[in-house]
């Protein structure tokens, strides 16, 4: 986690399902990303996320350019119609 180059990855409307405490995730469909995965992840990170059930620990900067205190986990879910990146708290 030594990244220095911030990128806008996604900008989306949050719905009730995005904010439910029992969901603990933010779904990011690849087709909605503002930045392509190879522009914000290294090849090694992409491979790690693709091959790991746990995903990769990441730090997130919010809309007010403040880094969230707790790290999140970036995972990739393979769905029937598209792949999604998912930020999870656990």
N, C-alpha and C. Protein backbone atom coordinates (compact mmCIF):
# COMPACT_ATOMS: atom_id res chain seq x y z
N UNK A 1 0.83 -1.19 0.00
CA UNK A 1 0.00 0.00 0.00
C UNK A 1 0.87 1.24 0.00
N UNK A 2 1.61 1.42 -1.05
CA UNK A 2 2.47 2.58 -1.12
C UNK A 2 2.06 3.53 -2.22
N UNK A 3 0.82 3.41 -2.71
CA UNK A 3 0.38 4.23 -3.84
C UNK A 3 0.36 5.71 -3.52
N UNK A 4 0.75 6.49 -4.51
CA UNK A 4 0.78 7.93 -4.35
C UNK A 4 -0.10 8.64 -5.36
N UNK A 5 -0.50 7.95 -6.40
CA UNK A 5 -1.22 8.55 -7.51
C UNK A 5 -2.71 8.25 -7.37
N UNK A 6 -3.49 9.21 -6.87
CA UNK A 6 -4.92 8.98 -6.67
C UNK A 6 -5.65 8.98 -8.00
N UNK A 7 -6.64 8.10 -8.12
CA UNK A 7 -7.47 7.98 -9.31
C UNK A 7 -8.94 7.91 -8.90
N UNK A 8 -9.79 8.56 -9.68
CA UNK A 8 -11.23 8.38 -9.51
C UNK A 8 -11.60 7.06 -10.18
N UNK A 9 -12.04 6.11 -9.39
CA UNK A 9 -12.34 4.78 -9.92
C UNK A 9 -13.81 4.68 -10.32
N UNK A 10 -14.69 5.18 -9.46
CA UNK A 10 -16.12 5.11 -9.78
C UNK A 10 -16.83 6.27 -9.09
N UNK A 11 -17.85 6.74 -9.73
CA UNK A 11 -18.74 7.74 -9.14
C UNK A 11 -20.14 7.21 -9.38
N UNK A 12 -20.86 6.94 -8.31
CA UNK A 12 -22.17 6.32 -8.49
C UNK A 12 -23.15 6.79 -7.44
N UNK A 13 -24.41 6.68 -7.77
CA UNK A 13 -25.48 6.96 -6.84
C UNK A 13 -25.56 5.79 -5.88
N UNK A 14 -25.63 6.09 -4.59
CA UNK A 14 -25.76 5.03 -3.59
C UNK A 14 -27.23 4.76 -3.32
N UNK A 15 -27.58 3.49 -3.34
CA UNK A 15 -28.94 3.08 -3.07
C UNK A 15 -29.00 2.45 -1.68
N UNK A 16 -30.20 2.21 -1.21
CA UNK A 16 -30.38 1.64 0.13
C UNK A 16 -29.56 0.36 0.32
N UNK A 17 -29.51 -0.47 -0.71
CA UNK A 17 -28.77 -1.74 -0.60
C UNK A 17 -27.27 -1.50 -0.42
N UNK A 18 -26.75 -0.38 -0.92
CA UNK A 18 -25.33 -0.06 -0.74
C UNK A 18 -25.00 0.33 0.70
N UNK A 19 -26.01 0.75 1.45
CA UNK A 19 -25.75 1.29 2.78
C UNK A 19 -26.25 0.42 3.92
N UNK A 20 -26.81 -0.75 3.61
CA UNK A 20 -27.28 -1.65 4.66
C UNK A 20 -26.09 -2.20 5.44
N UNK A 21 -26.17 -2.15 6.76
CA UNK A 21 -25.07 -2.63 7.59
C UNK A 21 -24.79 -4.11 7.39
N UNK A 22 -25.81 -4.90 7.11
CA UNK A 22 -25.59 -6.34 6.93
C UNK A 22 -24.98 -6.67 5.57
N UNK A 23 -24.93 -5.72 4.66
CA UNK A 23 -24.33 -5.94 3.34
C UNK A 23 -22.81 -5.70 3.38
N UNK A 24 -22.40 -4.63 4.04
CA UNK A 24 -20.98 -4.31 4.23
C UNK A 24 -20.18 -4.33 2.94
N UNK A 25 -20.73 -3.75 1.88
CA UNK A 25 -20.02 -3.77 0.61
C UNK A 25 -20.46 -2.62 -0.29
N UNK A 26 -19.58 -2.30 -1.22
CA UNK A 26 -19.89 -1.35 -2.28
C UNK A 26 -19.58 -2.05 -3.59
N UNK A 27 -20.59 -2.30 -4.36
CA UNK A 27 -20.46 -3.01 -5.63
C UNK A 27 -20.04 -2.02 -6.72
N UNK A 28 -19.02 -2.39 -7.50
CA UNK A 28 -18.53 -1.51 -8.57
C UNK A 28 -18.46 -2.31 -9.87
N UNK A 29 -19.56 -2.33 -10.65
CA UNK A 29 -19.54 -3.05 -11.92
C UNK A 29 -18.42 -2.52 -12.82
N UNK A 30 -17.66 -3.43 -13.40
CA UNK A 30 -16.51 -3.03 -14.23
C UNK A 30 -16.93 -2.10 -15.35
N UNK A 31 -18.12 -2.30 -15.90
CA UNK A 31 -18.58 -1.45 -17.01
C UNK A 31 -18.88 -0.02 -16.56
N UNK A 32 -19.00 0.23 -15.23
CA UNK A 32 -19.27 1.57 -14.72
C UNK A 32 -18.02 2.28 -14.21
N UNK A 33 -16.86 1.61 -14.26
CA UNK A 33 -15.64 2.23 -13.75
C UNK A 33 -15.22 3.41 -14.62
N UNK A 34 -14.78 4.48 -13.98
CA UNK A 34 -14.29 5.66 -14.69
C UNK A 34 -12.83 5.46 -15.12
N UNK A 35 -12.14 4.55 -14.44
CA UNK A 35 -10.73 4.27 -14.69
C UNK A 35 -10.60 2.77 -14.88
N UNK A 36 -9.92 2.34 -15.90
CA UNK A 36 -9.73 0.91 -16.16
C UNK A 36 -8.83 0.28 -15.10
N UNK A 37 -9.07 -0.99 -14.74
CA UNK A 37 -8.30 -1.62 -13.66
C UNK A 37 -6.79 -1.51 -13.81
N UNK A 38 -6.25 -1.64 -15.02
CA UNK A 38 -4.80 -1.56 -15.19
C UNK A 38 -4.26 -0.14 -14.97
N UNK A 39 -5.16 0.84 -14.84
CA UNK A 39 -4.74 2.22 -14.57
C UNK A 39 -4.66 2.52 -13.07
N UNK A 40 -5.27 1.67 -12.22
CA UNK A 40 -5.18 1.91 -10.77
C UNK A 40 -4.67 0.69 -10.01
N UNK A 41 -4.43 -0.41 -10.72
CA UNK A 41 -3.85 -1.60 -10.11
C UNK A 41 -2.66 -2.07 -10.94
N UNK A 42 -1.65 -2.60 -10.28
CA UNK A 42 -0.55 -3.20 -11.02
C UNK A 42 -0.99 -4.57 -11.55
N UNK A 43 -0.21 -5.13 -12.48
CA UNK A 43 -0.52 -6.47 -12.98
C UNK A 43 -0.52 -7.48 -11.85
N UNK A 44 0.42 -7.34 -10.91
CA UNK A 44 0.50 -8.25 -9.77
C UNK A 44 -0.75 -8.14 -8.89
N UNK A 45 -1.22 -6.90 -8.66
CA UNK A 45 -2.42 -6.70 -7.84
C UNK A 45 -3.66 -7.28 -8.53
N UNK A 46 -3.76 -7.10 -9.84
CA UNK A 46 -4.89 -7.66 -10.59
C UNK A 46 -4.88 -9.18 -10.46
N UNK A 47 -3.72 -9.79 -10.62
CA UNK A 47 -3.58 -11.24 -10.51
C UNK A 47 -3.96 -11.71 -9.09
N UNK A 48 -3.48 -10.98 -8.07
CA UNK A 48 -3.78 -11.34 -6.69
C UNK A 48 -5.28 -11.29 -6.42
N UNK A 49 -5.95 -10.25 -6.90
CA UNK A 49 -7.39 -10.12 -6.69
C UNK A 49 -8.15 -11.21 -7.45
N UNK A 50 -7.71 -11.51 -8.67
CA UNK A 50 -8.37 -12.55 -9.48
C UNK A 50 -8.24 -13.93 -8.86
N UNK A 51 -7.09 -14.20 -8.23
CA UNK A 51 -6.80 -15.55 -7.75
C UNK A 51 -7.13 -15.78 -6.28
N UNK A 52 -7.47 -14.73 -5.56
CA UNK A 52 -7.65 -14.84 -4.11
C UNK A 52 -9.12 -14.67 -3.73
N UNK A 53 -9.59 -15.52 -2.83
CA UNK A 53 -10.94 -15.35 -2.30
C UNK A 53 -11.01 -14.17 -1.35
N UNK A 54 -9.91 -13.90 -0.66
CA UNK A 54 -9.87 -12.82 0.33
C UNK A 54 -9.78 -11.45 -0.33
N UNK A 55 -9.19 -11.36 -1.51
CA UNK A 55 -8.99 -10.08 -2.16
C UNK A 55 -7.73 -9.41 -1.66
N UNK A 56 -7.71 -8.10 -1.69
CA UNK A 56 -6.53 -7.32 -1.33
C UNK A 56 -6.94 -6.17 -0.42
N UNK A 57 -6.18 -5.96 0.63
CA UNK A 57 -6.44 -4.85 1.54
C UNK A 57 -6.10 -3.54 0.83
N UNK A 58 -7.00 -2.57 0.90
CA UNK A 58 -6.80 -1.28 0.25
C UNK A 58 -7.18 -0.15 1.19
N UNK A 59 -6.66 1.01 0.92
CA UNK A 59 -7.06 2.23 1.64
C UNK A 59 -7.87 3.07 0.66
N UNK A 60 -8.89 3.73 1.17
CA UNK A 60 -9.82 4.47 0.33
C UNK A 60 -9.86 5.93 0.76
N UNK A 61 -9.83 6.81 -0.24
CA UNK A 61 -9.96 8.24 -0.01
C UNK A 61 -11.37 8.63 -0.40
N UNK A 62 -12.06 9.31 0.50
CA UNK A 62 -13.45 9.69 0.27
C UNK A 62 -13.60 10.97 -0.52
N UNK A 63 -14.84 11.40 -0.62
CA UNK A 63 -15.18 12.56 -1.44
C UNK A 63 -14.57 13.87 -0.92
N UNK A 64 -14.23 13.93 0.36
CA UNK A 64 -13.61 15.13 0.92
C UNK A 64 -12.09 15.00 0.97
N UNK A 65 -11.56 14.07 0.18
CA UNK A 65 -10.11 13.81 0.07
C UNK A 65 -9.48 13.44 1.40
N UNK A 66 -10.24 12.76 2.23
CA UNK A 66 -9.72 12.23 3.49
C UNK A 66 -9.66 10.71 3.39
N UNK A 67 -8.55 10.15 3.87
CA UNK A 67 -8.41 8.70 3.86
C UNK A 67 -9.22 8.11 5.00
N UNK A 68 -10.00 7.08 4.69
CA UNK A 68 -10.76 6.40 5.72
C UNK A 68 -9.80 5.70 6.68
N UNK A 69 -10.14 5.70 7.96
CA UNK A 69 -9.26 5.14 8.97
C UNK A 69 -9.07 3.64 8.80
N UNK A 70 -10.15 2.92 8.55
CA UNK A 70 -10.06 1.47 8.45
C UNK A 70 -9.83 1.05 7.01
N UNK A 71 -8.93 0.10 6.80
CA UNK A 71 -8.75 -0.40 5.43
C UNK A 71 -9.97 -1.23 5.00
N UNK A 72 -10.15 -1.35 3.72
CA UNK A 72 -11.20 -2.17 3.14
C UNK A 72 -10.54 -3.30 2.35
N UNK A 73 -11.35 -4.22 1.87
CA UNK A 73 -10.85 -5.32 1.05
C UNK A 73 -11.44 -5.19 -0.34
N UNK A 74 -10.58 -5.20 -1.35
CA UNK A 74 -11.02 -5.15 -2.74
C UNK A 74 -11.04 -6.57 -3.27
N UNK A 75 -12.22 -6.98 -3.72
CA UNK A 75 -12.41 -8.33 -4.26
C UNK A 75 -12.99 -8.22 -5.66
N UNK A 76 -12.95 -9.31 -6.38
CA UNK A 76 -13.57 -9.36 -7.70
C UNK A 76 -14.58 -10.49 -7.70
N UNK A 77 -15.81 -10.14 -8.04
CA UNK A 77 -16.87 -11.13 -8.13
C UNK A 77 -17.16 -11.38 -9.60
N UNK A 78 -17.19 -12.64 -9.97
CA UNK A 78 -17.49 -13.02 -11.35
C UNK A 78 -18.97 -13.38 -11.42
N UNK A 79 -19.73 -12.54 -12.09
CA UNK A 79 -21.16 -12.75 -12.23
C UNK A 79 -21.46 -13.19 -13.67
N UNK A 80 -22.69 -13.62 -13.91
CA UNK A 80 -23.05 -14.13 -15.24
C UNK A 80 -22.86 -13.09 -16.34
N UNK A 81 -23.32 -11.86 -16.10
CA UNK A 81 -23.31 -10.86 -17.16
C UNK A 81 -22.03 -10.03 -17.19
N UNK A 82 -21.41 -9.82 -16.03
CA UNK A 82 -20.21 -8.99 -15.98
C UNK A 82 -19.44 -9.30 -14.70
N UNK A 83 -18.22 -8.85 -14.66
CA UNK A 83 -17.44 -8.96 -13.43
C UNK A 83 -17.59 -7.65 -12.65
N UNK A 84 -17.53 -7.75 -11.34
CA UNK A 84 -17.64 -6.58 -10.49
C UNK A 84 -16.48 -6.54 -9.51
N UNK A 85 -15.95 -5.37 -9.28
CA UNK A 85 -15.07 -5.18 -8.13
C UNK A 85 -15.97 -4.81 -6.97
N UNK A 86 -15.61 -5.26 -5.79
CA UNK A 86 -16.41 -5.03 -4.60
C UNK A 86 -15.49 -4.58 -3.48
N UNK A 87 -15.85 -3.49 -2.82
CA UNK A 87 -15.16 -3.07 -1.61
C UNK A 87 -15.94 -3.60 -0.43
N UNK A 88 -15.26 -4.32 0.45
CA UNK A 88 -15.92 -4.92 1.61
C UNK A 88 -15.19 -4.51 2.88
N UNK A 89 -15.94 -4.47 3.97
CA UNK A 89 -15.33 -4.15 5.26
C UNK A 89 -14.76 -5.38 5.94
N UNK A 90 -15.14 -6.55 5.50
CA UNK A 90 -14.64 -7.76 6.13
C UNK A 90 -14.35 -8.82 5.10
